[in-house]
Amino acid sequence: MTFSHLSPCQQHLKLWNHISRQLKLMPSLKLILLVLANYTDCHSHKANLPASLIVRDSGLKDEEIKRLLVSLEAANWVESGRVLSDAGRSVILYNLSAHLVQQALSLV
């Protein structure tokens, strides 16, 4: 999936526009997606954010974020992956789903 004809700024604007205007979701779900969109790299289309950073930037409570991330993942709006930290702990990192990114960036 390459959208090299779009500048990084244009890609972020398209993600924000699609999430905020096109998706029919509760505001708290959109807020999580917008936080992920803010951190999404324009080349890899990955944010790789831990839930703690989503909590910090959204202002929502940790328990609520974890519950909402499960529903976003079930609906294929968010993807997650486990990685090992430098301390050897397992950490879950979150990204916008490839489907969501492609859908947002391919809109004219």
PDB file of N, CA and C in Angstrom:
ATOM      1  N   MET A   1       0.850  -1.158   0.000  1.00  0.00           N
ATOM      2  CA  MET A   1       0.000   0.000   0.000  1.00  0.00           C
ATOM      3  C   MET A   1       0.901   1.228   0.000  1.00  0.00           C
ATOM      4  N   THR A   2       0.981   1.934  -1.103  1.00  0.00           N
ATOM      5  CA  THR A   2       1.782   3.148  -1.139  1.00  0.00           C
ATOM      6  C   THR A   2       0.917   4.314  -1.590  1.00  0.00           C
ATOM      7  N   PHE A   3       1.081   5.391  -0.890  1.00  0.00           N
ATOM      8  CA  PHE A   3       0.360   6.623  -1.201  1.00  0.00           C
ATOM      9  C   PHE A   3       1.378   7.747  -1.260  1.00  0.00           C
ATOM     10  N   SER A   4       2.487   7.475  -1.997  1.00  0.00           N
ATOM     11  CA  SER A   4       3.611   8.400  -2.035  1.00  0.00           C
ATOM     12  C   SER A   4       3.263   9.728  -2.700  1.00  0.00           C
ATOM     13  N   HIS A   5       2.166   9.757  -3.449  1.00  0.00           N
ATOM     14  CA  HIS A   5       1.776  11.016  -4.083  1.00  0.00           C
ATOM     15  C   HIS A   5       1.217  12.005  -3.064  1.00  0.00           C
ATOM     16  N   LEU A   6       0.946  11.525  -1.848  1.00  0.00           N
ATOM     17  CA  LEU A   6       0.440  12.394  -0.783  1.00  0.00           C
ATOM     18  C   LEU A   6       1.581  12.762   0.163  1.00  0.00           C
ATOM     19  N   SER A   7       1.623  14.024   0.559  1.00  0.00           N
ATOM     20  CA  SER A   7       2.618  14.431   1.550  1.00  0.00           C
ATOM     21  C   SER A   7       2.216  13.859   2.911  1.00  0.00           C
ATOM     22  N   PRO A   8       3.146  13.796   3.864  1.00  0.00           N
ATOM     23  CA  PRO A   8       2.790  13.314   5.207  1.00  0.00           C
ATOM     24  C   PRO A   8       1.627  14.101   5.812  1.00  0.00           C
ATOM     25  N   CYS A   9       1.621  15.397   5.613  1.00  0.00           N
ATOM     26  CA  CYS A   9       0.542  16.237   6.133  1.00  0.00           C
ATOM     27  C   CYS A   9      -0.806  15.856   5.496  1.00  0.00           C
ATOM     28  N   GLN A  10      -0.807  15.647   4.196  1.00  0.00           N
ATOM     29  CA  GLN A  10      -2.033  15.246   3.505  1.00  0.00           C
ATOM     30  C   GLN A  10      -2.532  13.890   3.989  1.00  0.00           C
ATOM     31  N   GLN A  11      -1.589  12.965   4.240  1.00  0.00           N
ATOM     32  CA  GLN A  11      -1.989  11.654   4.736  1.00  0.00           C
ATOM     33  C   GLN A  11      -2.649  11.765   6.106  1.00  0.00           C
ATOM     34  N   HIS A  12      -2.055  12.561   6.994  1.00  0.00           N
ATOM     35  CA  HIS A  12      -2.650  12.733   8.320  1.00  0.00           C
ATOM     36  C   HIS A  12      -4.018  13.411   8.227  1.00  0.00           C
ATOM     37  N   LEU A  13      -4.135  14.396   7.369  1.00  0.00           N
ATOM     38  CA  LEU A  13      -5.436  15.064   7.201  1.00  0.00           C
ATOM     39  C   LEU A  13      -6.499  14.106   6.671  1.00  0.00           C
ATOM     40  N   LYS A  14      -6.129  13.243   5.743  1.00  0.00           N
ATOM     41  CA  LYS A  14      -7.076  12.271   5.199  1.00  0.00           C
ATOM     42  C   LYS A  14      -7.501  11.275   6.286  1.00  0.00           C
ATOM     43  N   LEU A  15      -6.551  10.828   7.105  1.00  0.00           N
ATOM     44  CA  LEU A  15      -6.900   9.931   8.203  1.00  0.00           C
ATOM     45  C   LEU A  15      -7.858  10.610   9.178  1.00  0.00           C
ATOM     46  N   TRP A  16      -7.521  11.823   9.590  1.00  0.00           N
ATOM     47  CA  TRP A  16      -8.368  12.564  10.521  1.00  0.00           C
ATOM     48  C   TRP A  16      -9.756  12.803   9.935  1.00  0.00           C
ATOM     49  N   ASN A  17      -9.808  13.223   8.684  1.00  0.00           N
ATOM     50  CA  ASN A  17     -11.085  13.505   8.042  1.00  0.00           C
ATOM     51  C   ASN A  17     -11.951  12.248   7.979  1.00  0.00           C
ATOM     52  N   HIS A  18     -11.354  11.156   7.574  1.00  0.00           N
ATOM     53  CA  HIS A  18     -12.103   9.911   7.442  1.00  0.00           C
ATOM     54  C   HIS A  18     -12.630   9.443   8.807  1.00  0.00           C
ATOM     55  N   ILE A  19     -11.764   9.469   9.806  1.00  0.00           N
ATOM     56  CA  ILE A  19     -12.174   9.016  11.139  1.00  0.00           C
ATOM     57  C   ILE A  19     -13.244   9.926  11.722  1.00  0.00           C
ATOM     58  N   SER A  20     -13.029  11.216  11.644  1.00  0.00           N
ATOM     59  CA  SER A  20     -13.960  12.142  12.302  1.00  0.00           C
ATOM     60  C   SER A  20     -15.265  12.351  11.543  1.00  0.00           C
ATOM     61  N   ARG A  21     -15.249  12.244  10.225  1.00  0.00           N
ATOM     62  CA  ARG A  21     -16.459  12.529   9.455  1.00  0.00           C
ATOM     63  C   ARG A  21     -17.164  11.309   8.879  1.00  0.00           C
ATOM     64  N   GLN A  22     -16.414  10.302   8.478  1.00  0.00           N
ATOM     65  CA  GLN A  22     -17.012   9.174   7.774  1.00  0.00           C
ATOM     66  C   GLN A  22     -17.438   8.026   8.699  1.00  0.00           C
ATOM     67  N   LEU A  23     -16.650   7.771   9.727  1.00  0.00           N
ATOM     68  CA  LEU A  23     -16.957   6.639  10.602  1.00  0.00           C
ATOM     69  C   LEU A  23     -18.078   6.989  11.564  1.00  0.00           C
ATOM     70  N   LYS A  24     -19.033   6.136  11.649  1.00  0.00           N
ATOM     71  CA  LYS A  24     -20.164   6.333  12.556  1.00  0.00           C
ATOM     72  C   LYS A  24     -19.889   5.543  13.834  1.00  0.00           C
ATOM     73  N   LEU A  25     -19.122   6.166  14.725  1.00  0.00           N
ATOM     74  CA  LEU A  25     -18.718   5.541  15.973  1.00  0.00           C
ATOM     75  C   LEU A  25     -18.961   6.499  17.134  1.00  0.00           C
ATOM     76  N   MET A  26     -18.977   5.943  18.342  1.00  0.00           N
ATOM     77  CA  MET A  26     -19.087   6.771  19.544  1.00  0.00           C
ATOM     78  C   MET A  26     -17.879   7.703  19.619  1.00  0.00           C
ATOM     79  N   PRO A  27     -18.045   8.884  20.206  1.00  0.00           N
ATOM     80  CA  PRO A  27     -16.928   9.831  20.306  1.00  0.00           C
ATOM     81  C   PRO A  27     -15.683   9.250  20.981  1.00  0.00           C
ATOM     82  N   SER A  28     -15.847   8.444  22.009  1.00  0.00           N
ATOM     83  CA  SER A  28     -14.672   7.884  22.691  1.00  0.00           C
ATOM     84  C   SER A  28     -13.904   6.924  21.779  1.00  0.00           C
ATOM     85  N   LEU A  29     -14.604   6.186  20.920  1.00  0.00           N
ATOM     86  CA  LEU A  29     -13.938   5.298  19.963  1.00  0.00           C
ATOM     87  C   LEU A  29     -13.187   6.111  18.916  1.00  0.00           C
ATOM     88  N   LYS A  30     -13.824   7.182  18.431  1.00  0.00           N
ATOM     89  CA  LYS A  30     -13.159   8.054  17.457  1.00  0.00           C
ATOM     90  C   LYS A  30     -11.921   8.702  18.067  1.00  0.00           C
ATOM     91  N   LEU A  31     -12.020   9.079  19.339  1.00  0.00           N
ATOM     92  CA  LEU A  31     -10.892   9.712  20.015  1.00  0.00           C
ATOM     93  C   LEU A  31      -9.677   8.789  20.029  1.00  0.00           C
ATOM     94  N   ILE A  32      -9.890   7.526  20.320  1.00  0.00           N
ATOM     95  CA  ILE A  32      -8.785   6.558  20.314  1.00  0.00           C
ATOM     96  C   ILE A  32      -8.191   6.446  18.917  1.00  0.00           C
ATOM     97  N   LEU A  33      -9.048   6.356  17.901  1.00  0.00           N
ATOM     98  CA  LEU A  33      -8.553   6.265  16.523  1.00  0.00           C
ATOM     99  C   LEU A  33      -7.784   7.518  16.124  1.00  0.00           C
ATOM    100  N   LEU A  34      -8.241   8.674  16.566  1.00  0.00           N
ATOM    101  CA  LEU A  34      -7.543   9.920  16.238  1.00  0.00           C
ATOM    102  C   LEU A  34      -6.180   9.996  16.922  1.00  0.00           C
ATOM    103  N   VAL A  35      -6.078   9.492  18.152  1.00  0.00           N
ATOM    104  CA  VAL A  35      -4.781   9.442  18.831  1.00  0.00           C
ATOM    105  C   VAL A  35      -3.835   8.551  18.035  1.00  0.00           C
ATOM    106  N   LEU A  36      -4.316   7.393  17.621  1.00  0.00           N
ATOM    107  CA  LEU A  36      -3.482   6.498  16.812  1.00  0.00           C
ATOM    108  C   LEU A  36      -3.104   7.153  15.488  1.00  0.00           C
ATOM    109  N   ALA A  37      -4.031   7.862  14.879  1.00  0.00           N
ATOM    110  CA  ALA A  37      -3.748   8.546  13.611  1.00  0.00           C
ATOM    111  C   ALA A  37      -2.646   9.590  13.793  1.00  0.00           C
ATOM    112  N   ASN A  38      -2.646  10.281  14.921  1.00  0.00           N
ATOM    113  CA  ASN A  38      -1.615  11.292  15.186  1.00  0.00           C
ATOM    114  C   ASN A  38      -0.217  10.706  15.168  1.00  0.00           C
ATOM    115  N   TYR A  39      -0.087   9.479  15.628  1.00  0.00           N
ATOM    116  CA  TYR A  39       1.221   8.848  15.738  1.00  0.00           C
ATOM    117  C   TYR A  39       1.559   7.950  14.546  1.00  0.00           C
ATOM    118  N   THR A  40       0.649   7.805  13.619  1.00  0.00           N
ATOM    119  CA  THR A  40       0.876   6.908  12.491  1.00  0.00           C
ATOM    120  C   THR A  40       1.942   7.471  11.561  1.00  0.00           C
ATOM    121  N   ASP A  41       2.968   6.686  11.337  1.00  0.00           N
ATOM    122  CA  ASP A  41       4.061   7.058  10.442  1.00  0.00           C
ATOM    123  C   ASP A  41       3.560   7.007   8.993  1.00  0.00           C
ATOM    124  N   CYS A  42       3.903   8.000   8.216  1.00  0.00           N
ATOM    125  CA  CYS A  42       3.402   8.101   6.846  1.00  0.00           C
ATOM    126  C   CYS A  42       4.054   7.112   5.888  1.00  0.00           C
ATOM    127  N   HIS A  43       5.137   6.494   6.292  1.00  0.00           N
ATOM    128  CA  HIS A  43       5.803   5.522   5.415  1.00  0.00           C
ATOM    129  C   HIS A  43       5.373   4.095   5.738  1.00  0.00           C
ATOM    130  N   SER A  44       5.357   3.762   7.021  1.00  0.00           N
ATOM    131  CA  SER A  44       5.003   2.397   7.417  1.00  0.00           C
ATOM    132  C   SER A  44       3.513   2.244   7.712  1.00  0.00           C
ATOM    133  N   HIS A  45       2.827   3.363   7.917  1.00  0.00           N
ATOM    134  CA  HIS A  45       1.411   3.383   8.310  1.00  0.00           C
ATOM    135  C   HIS A  45       1.186   2.650   9.622  1.00  0.00           C
ATOM    136  N   LYS A  46       2.170   2.733  10.508  1.00  0.00           N
ATOM    137  CA  LYS A  46       2.103   2.119  11.836  1.00  0.00           C
ATOM    138  C   LYS A  46       2.349   3.185  12.894  1.00  0.00           C
ATOM    139  N   ALA A  47       1.690   3.035  14.036  1.00  0.00           N
ATOM    140  CA  ALA A  47       1.912   3.920  15.175  1.00  0.00           C
ATOM    141  C   ALA A  47       2.674   3.194  16.284  1.00  0.00           C
ATOM    142  N   ASN A  48       2.380   1.899  16.464  1.00  0.00           N
ATOM    143  CA  ASN A  48       3.006   1.077  17.506  1.00  0.00           C
ATOM    144  C   ASN A  48       2.937   1.740  18.871  1.00  0.00           C
ATOM    145  N   LEU A  49       1.701   2.056  19.307  1.00  0.00           N
ATOM    146  CA  LEU A  49       1.488   2.734  20.580  1.00  0.00           C
ATOM    147  C   LEU A  49       1.057   1.761  21.663  1.00  0.00           C
ATOM    148  N   PRO A  50       1.636   1.880  22.858  1.00  0.00           N
ATOM    149  CA  PRO A  50       1.109   1.125  23.991  1.00  0.00           C
ATOM    150  C   PRO A  50      -0.167   1.802  24.505  1.00  0.00           C
ATOM    151  N   ALA A  51      -0.986   1.049  25.197  1.00  0.00           N
ATOM    152  CA  ALA A  51      -2.237   1.600  25.732  1.00  0.00           C
ATOM    153  C   ALA A  51      -1.974   2.779  26.661  1.00  0.00           C
ATOM    154  N   SER A  52      -0.848   2.758  27.381  1.00  0.00           N
ATOM    155  CA  SER A  52      -0.549   3.846  28.318  1.00  0.00           C
ATOM    156  C   SER A  52      -0.432   5.194  27.612  1.00  0.00           C
ATOM    157  N   LEU A  53       0.103   5.220  26.405  1.00  0.00           N
ATOM    158  CA  LEU A  53       0.220   6.471  25.653  1.00  0.00           C
ATOM    159  C   LEU A  53      -1.151   6.925  25.143  1.00  0.00           C
ATOM    160  N   ILE A  54      -1.986   5.970  24.787  1.00  0.00           N
ATOM    161  CA  ILE A  54      -3.350   6.302  24.366  1.00  0.00           C
ATOM    162  C   ILE A  54      -4.118   6.892  25.544  1.00  0.00           C
ATOM    163  N   VAL A  55      -3.926   6.331  26.738  1.00  0.00           N
ATOM    164  CA  VAL A  55      -4.560   6.860  27.954  1.00  0.00           C
ATOM    165  C   VAL A  55      -4.104   8.295  28.187  1.00  0.00           C
ATOM    166  N   ARG A  56      -2.792   8.516  28.107  1.00  0.00           N
ATOM    167  CA  ARG A  56      -2.248   9.853  28.356  1.00  0.00           C
ATOM    168  C   ARG A  56      -2.803  10.893  27.383  1.00  0.00           C
ATOM    169  N   ASP A  57      -2.833  10.555  26.098  1.00  0.00           N
ATOM    170  CA  ASP A  57      -3.235  11.530  25.084  1.00  0.00           C
ATOM    171  C   ASP A  57      -4.738  11.693  24.946  1.00  0.00           C
ATOM    172  N   SER A  58      -5.506  10.695  25.331  1.00  0.00           N
ATOM    173  CA  SER A  58      -6.965  10.784  25.179  1.00  0.00           C
ATOM    174  C   SER A  58      -7.649  11.349  26.411  1.00  0.00           C
ATOM    175  N   GLY A  59      -7.037  11.176  27.570  1.00  0.00           N
ATOM    176  CA  GLY A  59      -7.663  11.620  28.807  1.00  0.00           C
ATOM    177  C   GLY A  59      -8.695  10.625  29.332  1.00  0.00           C
ATOM    178  N   LEU A  60      -8.852   9.498  28.651  1.00  0.00           N
ATOM    179  CA  LEU A  60      -9.778   8.465  29.107  1.00  0.00           C
ATOM    180  C   LEU A  60      -9.079   7.578  30.133  1.00  0.00           C
ATOM    181  N   LYS A  61      -9.865   6.868  30.917  1.00  0.00           N
ATOM    182  CA  LYS A  61      -9.303   5.993  31.952  1.00  0.00           C
ATOM    183  C   LYS A  61      -8.764   4.710  31.350  1.00  0.00           C
ATOM    184  N   ASP A  62      -7.754   4.158  32.014  1.00  0.00           N
ATOM    185  CA  ASP A  62      -7.080   2.948  31.551  1.00  0.00           C
ATOM    186  C   ASP A  62      -8.061   1.801  31.305  1.00  0.00           C
ATOM    187  N   GLU A  63      -8.967   1.560  32.241  1.00  0.00           N
ATOM    188  CA  GLU A  63      -9.933   0.466  32.095  1.00  0.00           C
ATOM    189  C   GLU A  63     -10.826   0.684  30.876  1.00  0.00           C
ATOM    190  N   GLU A  64     -11.243   1.937  30.676  1.00  0.00           N
ATOM    191  CA  GLU A  64     -12.106   2.255  29.538  1.00  0.00           C
ATOM    192  C   GLU A  64     -11.356   2.068  28.220  1.00  0.00           C
ATOM    193  N   ILE A  65     -10.107   2.511  28.169  1.00  0.00           N
ATOM    194  CA  ILE A  65      -9.294   2.356  26.956  1.00  0.00           C
ATOM    195  C   ILE A  65      -9.162   0.883  26.599  1.00  0.00           C
ATOM    196  N   LYS A  66      -8.829   0.060  27.573  1.00  0.00           N
ATOM    197  CA  LYS A  66      -8.649  -1.366  27.304  1.00  0.00           C
ATOM    198  C   LYS A  66      -9.933  -2.000  26.791  1.00  0.00           C
ATOM    199  N   ARG A  67     -11.060  -1.623  27.372  1.00  0.00           N
ATOM    200  CA  ARG A  67     -12.362  -2.152  26.925  1.00  0.00           C
ATOM    201  C   ARG A  67     -12.683  -1.679  25.505  1.00  0.00           C
ATOM    202  N   LEU A  68     -12.435  -0.420  25.227  1.00  0.00           N
ATOM    203  CA  LEU A  68     -12.732   0.131  23.903  1.00  0.00           C
ATOM    204  C   LEU A  68     -11.790  -0.416  22.837  1.00  0.00           C
ATOM    205  N   LEU A  69     -10.533  -0.638  23.191  1.00  0.00           N
ATOM    206  CA  LEU A  69      -9.586  -1.211  22.230  1.00  0.00           C
ATOM    207  C   LEU A  69     -10.014  -2.613  21.796  1.00  0.00           C
ATOM    208  N   VAL A  70     -10.576  -3.376  22.715  1.00  0.00           N
ATOM    209  CA  VAL A  70     -11.074  -4.710  22.373  1.00  0.00           C
ATOM    210  C   VAL A  70     -12.182  -4.605  21.333  1.00  0.00           C
ATOM    211  N   SER A  71     -13.110  -3.669  21.523  1.00  0.00           N
ATOM    212  CA  SER A  71     -14.207  -3.530  20.549  1.00  0.00           C
ATOM    213  C   SER A  71     -13.704  -2.972  19.218  1.00  0.00           C
ATOM    214  N   LEU A  72     -12.732  -2.061  19.241  1.00  0.00           N
ATOM    215  CA  LEU A  72     -12.168  -1.538  17.992  1.00  0.00           C
ATOM    216  C   LEU A  72     -11.420  -2.625  17.224  1.00  0.00           C
ATOM    217  N   GLU A  73     -10.750  -3.479  17.962  1.00  0.00           N
ATOM    218  CA  GLU A  73     -10.026  -4.574  17.318  1.00  0.00           C
ATOM    219  C   GLU A  73     -11.004  -5.594  16.739  1.00  0.00           C
ATOM    220  N   ALA A  74     -12.070  -5.879  17.457  1.00  0.00           N
ATOM    221  CA  ALA A  74     -13.079  -6.826  16.970  1.00  0.00           C
ATOM    222  C   ALA A  74     -13.759  -6.310  15.701  1.00  0.00           C
ATOM    223  N   ALA A  75     -13.904  -5.000  15.599  1.00  0.00           N
ATOM    224  CA  ALA A  75     -14.532  -4.392  14.421  1.00  0.00           C
ATOM    225  C   ALA A  75     -13.532  -4.123  13.294  1.00  0.00           C
ATOM    226  N   ASN A  76     -12.291  -4.523  13.468  1.00  0.00           N
ATOM    227  CA  ASN A  76     -11.228  -4.371  12.470  1.00  0.00           C
ATOM    228  C   ASN A  76     -10.874  -2.906  12.191  1.00  0.00           C
ATOM    229  N   TRP A  77     -10.952  -2.065  13.219  1.00  0.00           N
ATOM    230  CA  TRP A  77     -10.496  -0.678  13.083  1.00  0.00           C
ATOM    231  C   TRP A  77      -9.090  -0.533  13.632  1.00  0.00           C
ATOM    232  N   VAL A  78      -8.708  -1.453  14.523  1.00  0.00           N
ATOM    233  CA  VAL A  78      -7.411  -1.412  15.201  1.00  0.00           C
ATOM    234  C   VAL A  78      -6.777  -2.796  15.132  1.00  0.00           C
ATOM    235  N   GLU A  79      -5.452  -2.815  15.044  1.00  0.00           N
ATOM    236  CA  GLU A  79      -4.689  -4.063  15.091  1.00  0.00           C
ATOM    237  C   GLU A  79      -3.722  -3.972  16.257  1.00  0.00           C
ATOM    238  N   SER A  80      -3.405  -5.113  16.845  1.00  0.00           N
ATOM    239  CA  SER A  80      -2.443  -5.120  17.944  1.00  0.00           C
ATOM    240  C   SER A  80      -1.409  -6.210  17.721  1.00  0.00           C
ATOM    241  N   GLY A  81      -0.289  -6.042  18.383  1.00  0.00           N
ATOM    242  CA  GLY A  81       0.769  -7.033  18.325  1.00  0.00           C
ATOM    243  C   GLY A  81       1.573  -6.994  19.607  1.00  0.00           C
ATOM    244  N   ARG A  82       2.038  -8.150  20.026  1.00  0.00           N
ATOM    245  CA  ARG A  82       2.864  -8.246  21.242  1.00  0.00           C
ATOM    246  C   ARG A  82       4.341  -8.175  20.870  1.00  0.00           C
ATOM    247  N   VAL A  83       5.081  -7.414  21.663  1.00  0.00           N
ATOM    248  CA  VAL A  83       6.533  -7.343  21.517  1.00  0.00           C
ATOM    249  C   VAL A  83       7.149  -7.443  22.906  1.00  0.00           C
ATOM    250  N   LEU A  84       8.409  -7.788  22.952  1.00  0.00           N
ATOM    251  CA  LEU A  84       9.133  -7.821  24.219  1.00  0.00           C
ATOM    252  C   LEU A  84       9.856  -6.497  24.421  1.00  0.00           C
ATOM    253  N   SER A  85       9.699  -5.942  25.604  1.00  0.00           N
ATOM    254  CA  SER A  85      10.402  -4.697  25.928  1.00  0.00           C
ATOM    255  C   SER A  85      11.855  -5.025  26.257  1.00  0.00           C
ATOM    256  N   ASP A  86      12.663  -3.990  26.430  1.00  0.00           N
ATOM    257  CA  ASP A  86      14.065  -4.188  26.797  1.00  0.00           C
ATOM    258  C   ASP A  86      14.192  -4.913  28.136  1.00  0.00           C
ATOM    259  N   ALA A  87      13.186  -4.737  28.982  1.00  0.00           N
ATOM    260  CA  ALA A  87      13.195  -5.384  30.297  1.00  0.00           C
ATOM    261  C   ALA A  87      12.681  -6.822  30.229  1.00  0.00           C
ATOM    262  N   GLY A  88      12.305  -7.271  29.039  1.00  0.00           N
ATOM    263  CA  GLY A  88      11.826  -8.632  28.873  1.00  0.00           C
ATOM    264  C   GLY A  88      10.341  -8.818  29.118  1.00  0.00           C
ATOM    265  N   ARG A  89       9.623  -7.732  29.302  1.00  0.00           N
ATOM    266  CA  ARG A  89       8.174  -7.803  29.512  1.00  0.00           C
ATOM    267  C   ARG A  89       7.451  -7.805  28.176  1.00  0.00           C
ATOM    268  N   SER A  90       6.315  -8.455  28.143  1.00  0.00           N
ATOM    269  CA  SER A  90       5.485  -8.463  26.952  1.00  0.00           C
ATOM    270  C   SER A  90       4.614  -7.207  26.945  1.00  0.00           C
ATOM    271  N   VAL A  91       4.657  -6.468  25.845  1.00  0.00           N
ATOM    272  CA  VAL A  91       3.890  -5.229  25.711  1.00  0.00           C
ATOM    273  C   VAL A  91       3.024  -5.335  24.460  1.00  0.00           C
ATOM    274  N   ILE A  92       1.776  -4.882  24.572  1.00  0.00           N
ATOM    275  CA  ILE A  92       0.889  -4.866  23.410  1.00  0.00           C
ATOM    276  C   ILE A  92       0.951  -3.476  22.783  1.00  0.00           C
ATOM    277  N   LEU A  93       1.216  -3.433  21.472  1.00  0.00           N
ATOM    278  CA  LEU A  93       1.259  -2.173  20.731  1.00  0.00           C
ATOM    279  C   LEU A  93       0.088  -2.127  19.772  1.00  0.00           C
ATOM    280  N   TYR A  94      -0.495  -0.947  19.618  1.00  0.00           N
ATOM    281  CA  TYR A  94      -1.694  -0.774  18.799  1.00  0.00           C
ATOM    282  C   TYR A  94      -1.427   0.097  17.584  1.00  0.00           C
ATOM    283  N   ASN A  95      -2.131  -0.218  16.497  1.00  0.00           N
ATOM    284  CA  ASN A  95      -2.068   0.515  15.235  1.00  0.00           C
ATOM    285  C   ASN A  95      -3.463   0.598  14.638  1.00  0.00           C
ATOM    286  N   LEU A  96      -3.655   1.591  13.780  1.00  0.00           N
ATOM    287  CA  LEU A  96      -4.854   1.586  12.955  1.00  0.00           C
ATOM    288  C   LEU A  96      -4.779   0.358  12.056  1.00  0.00           C
ATOM    289  N   SER A  97      -5.909  -0.237  11.755  1.00  0.00           N
ATOM    290  CA  SER A  97      -5.888  -1.410  10.879  1.00  0.00           C
ATOM    291  C   SER A  97      -5.479  -0.992   9.466  1.00  0.00           C
ATOM    292  N   ALA A  98      -4.848  -1.914   8.766  1.00  0.00           N
ATOM    293  CA  ALA A  98      -4.447  -1.643   7.377  1.00  0.00           C
ATOM    294  C   ALA A  98      -5.679  -1.298   6.546  1.00  0.00           C
ATOM    295  N   HIS A  99      -6.788  -1.953   6.847  1.00  0.00           N
ATOM    296  CA  HIS A  99      -8.047  -1.697   6.129  1.00  0.00           C
ATOM    297  C   HIS A  99      -8.489  -0.246   6.321  1.00  0.00           C
ATOM    298  N   LEU A 100      -8.437   0.248   7.549  1.00  0.00           N
ATOM    299  CA  LEU A 100      -8.844   1.626   7.838  1.00  0.00           C
ATOM    300  C   LEU A 100      -7.924   2.625   7.146  1.00  0.00           C
ATOM    301  N   VAL A 101      -6.622   2.395   7.215  1.00  0.00           N
ATOM    302  CA  VAL A 101      -5.661   3.310   6.581  1.00  0.00           C
ATOM    303  C   VAL A 101      -5.888   3.345   5.076  1.00  0.00           C
ATOM    304  N   GLN A 102      -6.034   2.174   4.489  1.00  0.00           N
ATOM    305  CA  GLN A 102      -6.241   2.116   3.038  1.00  0.00           C
ATOM    306  C   GLN A 102      -7.548   2.811   2.653  1.00  0.00           C
ATOM    307  N   GLN A 103      -8.586   2.554   3.410  1.00  0.00           N
ATOM    308  CA  GLN A 103      -9.886   3.173   3.145  1.00  0.00           C
ATOM    309  C   GLN A 103      -9.788   4.701   3.225  1.00  0.00           C
ATOM    310  N   ALA A 104      -9.112   5.211   4.216  1.00  0.00           N
ATOM    311  CA  ALA A 104      -8.989   6.661   4.414  1.00  0.00           C
ATOM    312  C   ALA A 104      -8.131   7.312   3.336  1.00  0.00           C
ATOM    313  N   LEU A 105      -7.009   6.677   2.998  1.00  0.00           N
ATOM    314  CA  LEU A 105      -6.072   7.295   2.058  1.00  0.00           C
ATOM    315  C   LEU A 105      -6.467   7.138   0.597  1.00  0.00           C
ATOM    316  N   SER A 106      -7.353   6.204   0.318  1.00  0.00           N
ATOM    317  CA  SER A 106      -7.745   6.030  -1.078  1.00  0.00           C
ATOM    318  C   SER A 106      -8.961   6.868  -1.459  1.00  0.00           C
ATOM    319  N   LEU A 107      -9.539   7.582  -0.495  1.00  0.00           N
ATOM    320  CA  LEU A 107     -10.645   8.491  -0.809  1.00  0.00           C
ATOM    321  C   LEU A 107     -10.135   9.672  -1.596  1.00  0.00           C
ATOM    322  N   VAL A 108     -10.878  10.072  -2.576  1.00  0.00           N
ATOM    323  CA  VAL A 108     -10.473  11.215  -3.417  1.00  0.00           C
ATOM    324  C   VAL A 108     -10.923  12.508  -2.806  1.00  0.00           C
TER     325      VAL A 108
END
